[in-house]
N, C-alpha and C. Protein backbone atom coordinates (compact mmCIF):
# COMPACT_ATOMS: atom_id res chain seq x y z
N UNK A 1 113.40 101.01 55.70
CA UNK A 1 113.64 102.44 55.80
C UNK A 1 112.60 103.06 56.73
N UNK A 2 113.00 103.95 57.60
CA UNK A 2 112.10 104.58 58.56
C UNK A 2 111.20 105.59 57.86
N UNK A 3 110.00 105.72 58.37
CA UNK A 3 109.04 106.66 57.82
C UNK A 3 109.43 108.09 58.19
N UNK A 4 109.29 109.02 57.25
CA UNK A 4 109.63 110.41 57.53
C UNK A 4 108.42 111.17 58.06
N UNK A 5 107.28 110.49 58.16
CA UNK A 5 106.08 111.11 58.66
C UNK A 5 106.23 111.40 60.15
N UNK A 6 106.03 112.68 60.54
CA UNK A 6 106.16 113.01 61.96
C UNK A 6 104.89 112.62 62.69
N UNK A 7 105.07 112.22 63.94
CA UNK A 7 103.95 111.80 64.77
C UNK A 7 103.81 112.80 65.90
N UNK A 8 102.63 112.80 66.52
CA UNK A 8 102.37 113.71 67.62
C UNK A 8 102.35 112.96 68.94
N UNK A 9 102.73 113.66 69.99
CA UNK A 9 102.70 113.13 71.34
C UNK A 9 101.26 112.77 71.69
N UNK A 10 101.01 111.57 72.23
CA UNK A 10 99.65 111.16 72.55
C UNK A 10 99.03 111.95 73.72
N UNK A 11 99.85 112.68 74.48
CA UNK A 11 99.31 113.44 75.60
C UNK A 11 99.03 114.89 75.27
N UNK A 12 99.96 115.55 74.58
CA UNK A 12 99.80 117.00 74.36
C UNK A 12 99.74 117.40 72.89
N UNK A 13 99.94 116.45 71.99
CA UNK A 13 99.88 116.65 70.54
C UNK A 13 101.03 117.47 69.95
N UNK A 14 102.08 117.74 70.73
CA UNK A 14 103.28 118.37 70.17
C UNK A 14 104.02 117.31 69.36
N UNK A 15 104.93 117.72 68.49
CA UNK A 15 105.68 116.74 67.70
C UNK A 15 106.48 115.78 68.58
N UNK A 16 106.48 114.52 68.20
CA UNK A 16 107.21 113.47 68.92
C UNK A 16 108.71 113.75 68.89
N UNK A 17 109.38 113.46 69.99
CA UNK A 17 110.83 113.56 70.09
C UNK A 17 111.42 112.17 69.93
N UNK A 18 112.45 112.05 69.14
CA UNK A 18 113.09 110.74 68.94
C UNK A 18 113.57 110.17 70.27
N UNK A 19 114.09 111.03 71.13
CA UNK A 19 114.63 110.59 72.42
C UNK A 19 113.55 110.05 73.35
N UNK A 20 112.32 110.60 73.29
CA UNK A 20 111.26 110.21 74.22
C UNK A 20 110.07 109.55 73.53
N UNK A 21 110.25 109.09 72.31
CA UNK A 21 109.17 108.52 71.50
C UNK A 21 108.37 107.50 72.30
N UNK A 22 107.07 107.51 72.17
CA UNK A 22 106.26 108.33 71.26
C UNK A 22 105.87 109.68 71.85
N UNK A 23 106.51 110.09 72.92
CA UNK A 23 106.18 111.35 73.58
C UNK A 23 107.08 112.48 73.09
N UNK A 24 106.75 113.72 73.46
CA UNK A 24 107.52 114.88 73.02
C UNK A 24 108.63 115.23 74.01
N UNK A 25 108.48 114.78 75.26
CA UNK A 25 109.43 115.19 76.29
C UNK A 25 109.43 114.18 77.45
N UNK A 26 110.40 114.33 78.33
CA UNK A 26 110.45 113.50 79.54
C UNK A 26 109.23 113.76 80.40
N UNK A 27 108.75 114.99 80.41
CA UNK A 27 107.57 115.33 81.22
C UNK A 27 106.34 114.55 80.79
N UNK A 28 106.07 114.49 79.50
CA UNK A 28 104.90 113.74 79.02
C UNK A 28 105.10 112.24 79.24
N UNK A 29 106.31 111.77 79.05
CA UNK A 29 106.60 110.35 79.28
C UNK A 29 106.35 109.99 80.74
N UNK A 30 106.81 110.84 81.66
CA UNK A 30 106.61 110.61 83.09
C UNK A 30 105.14 110.71 83.48
N UNK A 31 104.42 111.68 82.90
CA UNK A 31 102.98 111.81 83.21
C UNK A 31 102.22 110.56 82.78
N UNK A 32 102.59 110.00 81.63
CA UNK A 32 101.94 108.78 81.16
C UNK A 32 102.21 107.63 82.13
N UNK A 33 103.45 107.47 82.57
CA UNK A 33 103.80 106.42 83.52
C UNK A 33 103.02 106.60 84.82
N UNK A 34 102.94 107.82 85.31
CA UNK A 34 102.20 108.09 86.55
C UNK A 34 100.71 107.75 86.41
N UNK A 35 100.15 107.95 85.22
CA UNK A 35 98.75 107.57 84.99
C UNK A 35 98.58 106.06 85.17
N UNK A 36 99.51 105.27 84.64
CA UNK A 36 99.44 103.81 84.79
C UNK A 36 99.63 103.41 86.24
N UNK A 37 100.62 103.99 86.90
CA UNK A 37 100.92 103.63 88.29
C UNK A 37 99.82 104.06 89.24
N UNK A 38 99.16 105.18 88.94
CA UNK A 38 98.11 105.69 89.80
C UNK A 38 96.73 105.20 89.42
N UNK A 39 96.65 104.20 88.57
CA UNK A 39 95.39 103.62 88.11
C UNK A 39 94.52 104.62 87.36
N UNK A 40 95.16 105.59 86.71
CA UNK A 40 94.43 106.52 85.86
C UNK A 40 94.02 105.86 84.55
N UNK A 41 94.81 104.89 84.12
CA UNK A 41 94.49 104.09 82.94
C UNK A 41 94.12 102.70 83.44
N UNK A 42 93.17 102.09 82.77
CA UNK A 42 92.78 100.73 83.15
C UNK A 42 92.53 99.92 81.89
N UNK A 43 92.86 98.65 81.97
CA UNK A 43 92.58 97.73 80.88
C UNK A 43 91.17 97.19 81.10
N UNK A 44 90.31 97.24 80.07
CA UNK A 44 88.94 96.77 80.27
C UNK A 44 88.87 95.28 80.60
N UNK A 45 87.93 94.93 81.42
CA UNK A 45 87.72 93.54 81.79
C UNK A 45 87.17 93.46 83.20
N UNK A 46 86.81 92.26 83.60
CA UNK A 46 86.25 92.11 84.95
C UNK A 46 87.33 92.35 86.01
N UNK A 47 86.89 92.87 87.13
CA UNK A 47 87.82 93.09 88.24
C UNK A 47 88.31 91.75 88.78
N UNK A 48 89.55 91.72 89.22
CA UNK A 48 90.15 90.50 89.76
C UNK A 48 90.55 90.76 91.21
N UNK A 49 90.14 89.86 92.09
CA UNK A 49 90.49 90.02 93.50
C UNK A 49 91.97 89.66 93.70
N UNK A 50 92.58 90.18 94.75
CA UNK A 50 93.97 89.81 95.04
C UNK A 50 94.16 88.30 95.17
N UNK A 51 93.16 87.59 95.73
CA UNK A 51 93.26 86.13 95.87
C UNK A 51 93.28 85.45 94.50
N UNK A 52 92.43 85.91 93.59
CA UNK A 52 92.41 85.33 92.24
C UNK A 52 93.73 85.58 91.53
N UNK A 53 94.28 86.77 91.71
CA UNK A 53 95.55 87.09 91.09
C UNK A 53 96.66 86.21 91.65
N UNK A 54 96.67 86.01 92.96
CA UNK A 54 97.68 85.16 93.58
C UNK A 54 97.57 83.72 93.08
N UNK A 55 96.33 83.22 92.94
CA UNK A 55 96.13 81.86 92.42
C UNK A 55 96.65 81.76 90.99
N UNK A 56 96.36 82.77 90.20
CA UNK A 56 96.81 82.79 88.80
C UNK A 56 98.33 82.78 88.73
N UNK A 57 98.98 83.58 89.55
CA UNK A 57 100.43 83.63 89.53
C UNK A 57 101.05 82.34 90.05
N UNK A 58 100.40 81.73 91.03
CA UNK A 58 100.92 80.49 91.62
C UNK A 58 100.82 79.31 90.64
N UNK A 59 99.69 79.20 89.93
CA UNK A 59 99.50 78.07 89.01
C UNK A 59 100.17 78.31 87.67
N UNK A 60 100.43 79.55 87.35
CA UNK A 60 101.08 79.87 86.08
C UNK A 60 100.12 80.10 84.95
N UNK A 61 98.89 79.60 85.06
CA UNK A 61 97.93 79.79 83.96
C UNK A 61 96.64 80.42 84.43
N UNK A 62 96.33 80.25 85.70
CA UNK A 62 95.08 80.78 86.21
C UNK A 62 93.90 79.88 85.96
N UNK A 63 94.12 78.77 85.25
CA UNK A 63 93.05 77.83 84.95
C UNK A 63 93.39 76.50 85.61
N UNK A 64 92.40 75.93 86.26
CA UNK A 64 92.62 74.64 86.91
C UNK A 64 92.41 73.52 85.92
N UNK A 65 93.17 72.48 86.08
CA UNK A 65 93.08 71.31 85.20
C UNK A 65 92.26 70.24 85.92
N UNK A 66 91.13 69.84 85.34
CA UNK A 66 90.23 68.86 85.97
C UNK A 66 90.55 67.44 85.51
N UNK A 67 91.72 67.17 85.00
CA UNK A 67 92.06 65.83 84.51
C UNK A 67 92.33 64.87 85.63
């Protein structure tokens, strides 16, 4: 059974809309996406060079096997 507890939009704190969950509107949902695309949000960790990323994608694991 779904919880009846209402949640708030993580961007503006207005009540969450079922249609745009967990956001209140298309505007907040789009602003959140733009933050990710524009590097406004970042996942913590060491920076990775484009060459390292390409190697990781090419090998599938990013770790070399010394066997």
